[in-house]
Amino acid sequence: MSIDRAVEVYRYHLTPGNLFSSADQAMVSAVLGTCVAVCLHDRRLKIGGMNHYQHPKSGFFGLATNDYGDVAITALIYKLRRLGSRVEDLEAQIFGGGDIVGEKNGKTGIKNVKMARKILKKNGITIVSEDVGGTKGRRLIYHTGTNEAMVMKTHRIRRGDYYPYRQRLGS
């Protein structure tokens, strides 16, 4: 199968509060401001997944959803283990967590990154790459089979960036 066909057939875009894992290779994208995406890859099985979360810790009003880093990272690890991964074969990449202009207290991005590092360390998963912090948004494309990521930084995130496939699907 050509790479063009693979990208077209297996492309997913994650909005905040979602995660993706699969035994098939896939290209997964997300747009990140203060949000964080953790990408996990199994070196042995050549599979992986990604999450996209907005807040560091669950517990606010008793909610435990993938909007929260502690839940989303744990859920992604669980999903990969269900696909046959062993924790010792997993490696991680962390993206996002920017200090975006207009954010209320300027600390959400930093707290999101700290939560990712904490949960990954607790589970014994090595972080092999990070592109975090700063004042720019990020557009991320991640290949679950090769663990390759492409990050495009942007000064301004537009509403349409969060849902890049809406027009194509609607036409």
C-alpha atoms as a PDB file:
ATOM      1  CA  MET A   1       0.000   0.000   0.000  1.00  0.00           C
ATOM      2  CA  SER A   2       1.410   3.412  -0.917  1.00  0.00           C
ATOM      3  CA  ILE A   3       1.921   5.985   1.819  1.00  0.00           C
ATOM      4  CA  ASP A   4      -0.616   8.292   0.126  1.00  0.00           C
ATOM      5  CA  ARG A   5      -3.287   5.602   0.338  1.00  0.00           C
ATOM      6  CA  ALA A   6      -2.363   4.774   3.939  1.00  0.00           C
ATOM      7  CA  VAL A   7      -2.667   8.413   4.973  1.00  0.00           C
ATOM      8  CA  GLU A   8      -6.034   8.830   3.256  1.00  0.00           C
ATOM      9  CA  VAL A   9      -7.553   5.611   4.564  1.00  0.00           C
ATOM     10  CA  TYR A  10      -6.300   5.786   8.134  1.00  0.00           C
ATOM     11  CA  ARG A  11      -6.472   9.470   9.049  1.00  0.00           C
ATOM     12  CA  TYR A  12      -8.051  10.604  12.301  1.00  0.00           C
ATOM     13  CA  HIS A  13      -8.376  14.050  13.861  1.00  0.00           C
ATOM     14  CA  LEU A  14      -8.639  14.241  17.644  1.00  0.00           C
ATOM     15  CA  THR A  15     -10.588  17.007  19.275  1.00  0.00           C
ATOM     16  CA  PRO A  16     -10.076  17.737  22.986  1.00  0.00           C
ATOM     17  CA  GLY A  17     -11.217  14.917  25.252  1.00  0.00           C
ATOM     18  CA  ASN A  18     -10.598  12.138  22.740  1.00  0.00           C
ATOM     19  CA  LEU A  19      -8.031   9.423  22.247  1.00  0.00           C
ATOM     20  CA  PHE A  20      -7.100   6.983  19.510  1.00  0.00           C
ATOM     21  CA  SER A  21      -5.341   3.616  19.522  1.00  0.00           C
ATOM     22  CA  SER A  22      -5.233   0.877  16.924  1.00  0.00           C
ATOM     23  CA  ALA A  23      -3.359  -2.244  15.917  1.00  0.00           C
ATOM     24  CA  ASP A  24      -3.351  -0.757  12.391  1.00  0.00           C
ATOM     25  CA  GLN A  25      -0.989   2.038  11.432  1.00  0.00           C
ATOM     26  CA  ALA A  26      -2.653   5.440  11.298  1.00  0.00           C
ATOM     27  CA  MET A  27      -1.996   9.134  10.939  1.00  0.00           C
ATOM     28  CA  VAL A  28      -3.561  11.045  13.829  1.00  0.00           C
ATOM     29  CA  SER A  29      -3.752  14.826  14.046  1.00  0.00           C
ATOM     30  CA  ALA A  30      -4.656  17.409  16.668  1.00  0.00           C
ATOM     31  CA  VAL A  31      -4.505  21.159  17.187  1.00  0.00           C
ATOM     32  CA  LEU A  32      -2.991  22.149  20.521  1.00  0.00           C
ATOM     33  CA  GLY A  33      -2.869  25.360  22.519  1.00  0.00           C
ATOM     34  CA  THR A  34      -2.773  24.804  26.278  1.00  0.00           C
ATOM     35  CA  CYS A  35      -3.974  21.245  25.611  1.00  0.00           C
ATOM     36  CA  VAL A  36      -1.507  18.357  25.571  1.00  0.00           C
ATOM     37  CA  ALA A  37      -1.263  15.321  23.334  1.00  0.00           C
ATOM     38  CA  VAL A  38       0.603  12.270  24.589  1.00  0.00           C
ATOM     39  CA  CYS A  39       1.666   9.841  21.874  1.00  0.00           C
ATOM     40  CA  LEU A  40       2.527   6.296  22.938  1.00  0.00           C
ATOM     41  CA  HIS A  41       4.345   3.834  20.703  1.00  0.00           C
ATOM     42  CA  ASP A  42       5.087   0.155  21.211  1.00  0.00           C
ATOM     43  CA  ARG A  43       8.604  -0.491  19.859  1.00  0.00           C
ATOM     44  CA  ARG A  44       8.009  -4.245  19.658  1.00  0.00           C
ATOM     45  CA  LEU A  45       4.570  -4.358  18.008  1.00  0.00           C
ATOM     46  CA  LYS A  46       4.963  -1.124  15.989  1.00  0.00           C
ATOM     47  CA  ILE A  47       1.576   0.167  17.133  1.00  0.00           C
ATOM     48  CA  GLY A  48       0.572   3.263  18.977  1.00  0.00           C
ATOM     49  CA  GLY A  49      -1.971   5.817  19.972  1.00  0.00           C
ATOM     50  CA  MET A  50      -2.538   9.401  20.971  1.00  0.00           C
ATOM     51  CA  ASN A  51      -4.735  11.379  23.339  1.00  0.00           C
ATOM     52  CA  HIS A  52      -5.709  15.047  23.480  1.00  0.00           C
ATOM     53  CA  TYR A  53      -6.653  16.529  26.831  1.00  0.00           C
ATOM     54  CA  GLN A  54      -7.520  19.984  28.183  1.00  0.00           C
ATOM     55  CA  HIS A  55      -7.039  19.833  31.948  1.00  0.00           C
ATOM     56  CA  PRO A  56      -4.412  18.167  34.128  1.00  0.00           C
ATOM     57  CA  LYS A  57      -6.417  16.440  36.847  1.00  0.00           C
ATOM     58  CA  SER A  58      -9.902  14.984  37.146  1.00  0.00           C
ATOM     59  CA  GLY A  59     -12.080  15.324  40.194  1.00  0.00           C
ATOM     60  CA  PHE A  60     -13.808  18.591  39.372  1.00  0.00           C
ATOM     61  CA  PHE A  61     -17.479  17.833  40.110  1.00  0.00           C
ATOM     62  CA  GLY A  62     -16.586  14.142  40.216  1.00  0.00           C
ATOM     63  CA  LEU A  63     -15.937  13.927  36.470  1.00  0.00           C
ATOM     64  CA  ALA A  64     -13.396  11.410  35.199  1.00  0.00           C
ATOM     65  CA  THR A  65     -13.276  11.823  31.418  1.00  0.00           C
ATOM     66  CA  ASN A  66     -10.584  11.975  28.753  1.00  0.00           C
ATOM     67  CA  ASP A  67     -10.682  15.775  29.056  1.00  0.00           C
ATOM     68  CA  TYR A  68      -8.301  15.251  31.995  1.00  0.00           C
ATOM     69  CA  GLY A  69      -4.677  14.187  31.654  1.00  0.00           C
ATOM     70  CA  ASP A  70      -4.641  11.729  34.531  1.00  0.00           C
ATOM     71  CA  VAL A  71      -7.591   9.879  32.974  1.00  0.00           C
ATOM     72  CA  ALA A  72      -6.608  10.226  29.295  1.00  0.00           C
ATOM     73  CA  ILE A  73      -3.038   8.960  29.723  1.00  0.00           C
ATOM     74  CA  THR A  74      -4.098   6.044  31.911  1.00  0.00           C
ATOM     75  CA  ALA A  75      -6.833   5.170  29.385  1.00  0.00           C
ATOM     76  CA  LEU A  76      -4.365   5.252  26.475  1.00  0.00           C
ATOM     77  CA  ILE A  77      -1.971   2.933  28.318  1.00  0.00           C
ATOM     78  CA  TYR A  78      -4.892   0.601  29.040  1.00  0.00           C
ATOM     79  CA  LYS A  79      -6.014   0.609  25.390  1.00  0.00           C
ATOM     80  CA  LEU A  80      -2.521  -0.281  24.156  1.00  0.00           C
ATOM     81  CA  ARG A  81      -2.195  -3.045  26.732  1.00  0.00           C
ATOM     82  CA  ARG A  82      -5.502  -4.460  25.458  1.00  0.00           C
ATOM     83  CA  LEU A  83      -3.884  -4.549  21.995  1.00  0.00           C
ATOM     84  CA  GLY A  84      -1.015  -6.651  23.364  1.00  0.00           C
ATOM     85  CA  SER A  85       1.513  -4.007  24.390  1.00  0.00           C
ATOM     86  CA  ARG A  86       3.697  -4.436  27.428  1.00  0.00           C
ATOM     87  CA  VAL A  87       4.390  -1.260  29.400  1.00  0.00           C
ATOM     88  CA  GLU A  88       8.146  -1.866  29.163  1.00  0.00           C
ATOM     89  CA  ASP A  89       7.883  -1.681  25.352  1.00  0.00           C
ATOM     90  CA  LEU A  90       6.122   1.698  25.349  1.00  0.00           C
ATOM     91  CA  GLU A  91       7.776   5.042  24.735  1.00  0.00           C
ATOM     92  CA  ALA A  92       6.157   8.466  24.826  1.00  0.00           C
ATOM     93  CA  GLN A  93       6.213  11.828  23.128  1.00  0.00           C
ATOM     94  CA  ILE A  94       4.540  14.908  24.627  1.00  0.00           C
ATOM     95  CA  PHE A  95       3.274  17.892  22.644  1.00  0.00           C
ATOM     96  CA  GLY A  96       1.467  21.149  23.459  1.00  0.00           C
ATOM     97  CA  GLY A  97       1.001  22.839  26.805  1.00  0.00           C
ATOM     98  CA  GLY A  98       1.595  26.317  25.455  1.00  0.00           C
ATOM     99  CA  ASP A  99       1.049  29.578  27.326  1.00  0.00           C
ATOM    100  CA  ILE A 100      -1.496  30.933  24.887  1.00  0.00           C
ATOM    101  CA  VAL A 101      -2.458  34.623  24.968  1.00  0.00           C
ATOM    102  CA  GLY A 102      -5.855  35.146  26.540  1.00  0.00           C
ATOM    103  CA  GLU A 103      -5.690  32.133  28.825  1.00  0.00           C
ATOM    104  CA  LYS A 104      -6.996  33.037  32.291  1.00  0.00           C
ATOM    105  CA  ASN A 105      -4.031  32.298  34.542  1.00  0.00           C
ATOM    106  CA  GLY A 106      -1.351  31.172  32.089  1.00  0.00           C
ATOM    107  CA  LYS A 107      -0.651  27.980  34.006  1.00  0.00           C
ATOM    108  CA  THR A 108      -2.954  25.356  32.448  1.00  0.00           C
ATOM    109  CA  GLY A 109      -0.463  24.382  29.751  1.00  0.00           C
ATOM    110  CA  ILE A 110       2.376  23.960  32.253  1.00  0.00           C
ATOM    111  CA  LYS A 111       0.157  21.899  34.576  1.00  0.00           C
ATOM    112  CA  ASN A 112      -0.932  19.690  31.658  1.00  0.00           C
ATOM    113  CA  VAL A 113       2.694  18.943  30.750  1.00  0.00           C
ATOM    114  CA  LYS A 114       3.618  18.221  34.384  1.00  0.00           C
ATOM    115  CA  MET A 115       0.711  15.777  34.644  1.00  0.00           C
ATOM    116  CA  ALA A 116       1.881  13.929  31.529  1.00  0.00           C
ATOM    117  CA  ARG A 117       5.410  13.591  32.891  1.00  0.00           C
ATOM    118  CA  LYS A 118       4.098  12.447  36.291  1.00  0.00           C
ATOM    119  CA  ILE A 119       1.771   9.716  34.931  1.00  0.00           C
ATOM    120  CA  LEU A 120       4.355   8.442  32.438  1.00  0.00           C
ATOM    121  CA  LYS A 121       7.065   8.281  35.113  1.00  0.00           C
ATOM    122  CA  LYS A 122       4.696   6.499  37.503  1.00  0.00           C
ATOM    123  CA  ASN A 123       4.095   3.855  34.812  1.00  0.00           C
ATOM    124  CA  GLY A 124       7.785   3.510  33.912  1.00  0.00           C
ATOM    125  CA  ILE A 125       7.323   4.841  30.362  1.00  0.00           C
ATOM    126  CA  THR A 126      10.291   6.677  28.858  1.00  0.00           C
ATOM    127  CA  ILE A 127       9.698  10.059  27.250  1.00  0.00           C
ATOM    128  CA  VAL A 128      11.754  10.092  24.041  1.00  0.00           C
ATOM    129  CA  SER A 129      10.673  13.503  22.752  1.00  0.00           C
ATOM    130  CA  GLU A 130       8.872  16.655  23.827  1.00  0.00           C
ATOM    131  CA  ASP A 131       7.763  19.823  22.100  1.00  0.00           C
ATOM    132  CA  VAL A 132       6.016  21.704  24.887  1.00  0.00           C
ATOM    133  CA  GLY A 133       5.494  25.178  26.306  1.00  0.00           C
ATOM    134  CA  GLY A 134       6.132  28.433  24.536  1.00  0.00           C
ATOM    135  CA  THR A 135       3.578  30.921  23.281  1.00  0.00           C
ATOM    136  CA  LYS A 136       2.535  29.323  19.996  1.00  0.00           C
ATOM    137  CA  GLY A 137      -0.151  26.837  19.134  1.00  0.00           C
ATOM    138  CA  ARG A 138       0.737  23.568  17.442  1.00  0.00           C
ATOM    139  CA  ARG A 139      -0.700  21.459  14.686  1.00  0.00           C
ATOM    140  CA  LEU A 140       0.417  17.890  15.237  1.00  0.00           C
ATOM    141  CA  ILE A 141       0.408  14.912  12.892  1.00  0.00           C
ATOM    142  CA  TYR A 142       1.509  11.602  14.412  1.00  0.00           C
ATOM    143  CA  HIS A 143       2.136   8.232  12.734  1.00  0.00           C
ATOM    144  CA  THR A 144       1.284   5.423  15.149  1.00  0.00           C
ATOM    145  CA  GLY A 145       3.344   2.765  13.356  1.00  0.00           C
ATOM    146  CA  THR A 146       6.643   4.634  13.023  1.00  0.00           C
ATOM    147  CA  ASN A 147       6.389   6.967  16.047  1.00  0.00           C
ATOM    148  CA  GLU A 148       7.161   9.922  13.764  1.00  0.00           C
ATOM    149  CA  ALA A 149       5.571  13.272  14.506  1.00  0.00           C
ATOM    150  CA  MET A 150       5.362  16.490  12.572  1.00  0.00           C
ATOM    151  CA  VAL A 151       4.697  19.696  14.492  1.00  0.00           C
ATOM    152  CA  MET A 152       3.762  22.961  12.841  1.00  0.00           C
ATOM    153  CA  LYS A 153       3.801  25.959  15.150  1.00  0.00           C
ATOM    154  CA  THR A 154       1.418  28.817  14.579  1.00  0.00           C
ATOM    155  CA  HIS A 155       1.011  32.289  16.033  1.00  0.00           C
ATOM    156  CA  ARG A 156      -2.743  32.053  15.860  1.00  0.00           C
ATOM    157  CA  ILE A 157      -5.116  29.110  16.078  1.00  0.00           C
ATOM    158  CA  ARG A 158      -8.296  29.673  14.107  1.00  0.00           C
ATOM    159  CA  ARG A 159     -11.623  28.014  14.875  1.00  0.00           C
ATOM    160  CA  GLY A 160     -11.437  26.034  11.624  1.00  0.00           C
ATOM    161  CA  ASP A 161      -8.096  24.521  12.657  1.00  0.00           C
ATOM    162  CA  TYR A 162      -9.822  22.451  15.328  1.00  0.00           C
ATOM    163  CA  TYR A 163     -12.114  20.759  12.827  1.00  0.00           C
ATOM    164  CA  PRO A 164     -10.095  20.604   9.600  1.00  0.00           C
ATOM    165  CA  TYR A 165     -12.198  17.902   7.951  1.00  0.00           C
ATOM    166  CA  ARG A 166     -15.649  19.421   8.503  1.00  0.00           C
ATOM    167  CA  GLN A 167     -15.905  20.979   5.042  1.00  0.00           C
ATOM    168  CA  ARG A 168     -14.613  17.892   3.236  1.00  0.00           C
ATOM    169  CA  LEU A 169     -17.088  15.619   5.026  1.00  0.00           C
ATOM    170  CA  GLY A 170     -19.983  17.987   4.459  1.00  0.00           C
ATOM    171  CA  SER A 171     -19.441  18.392   0.728  1.00  0.00           C
END
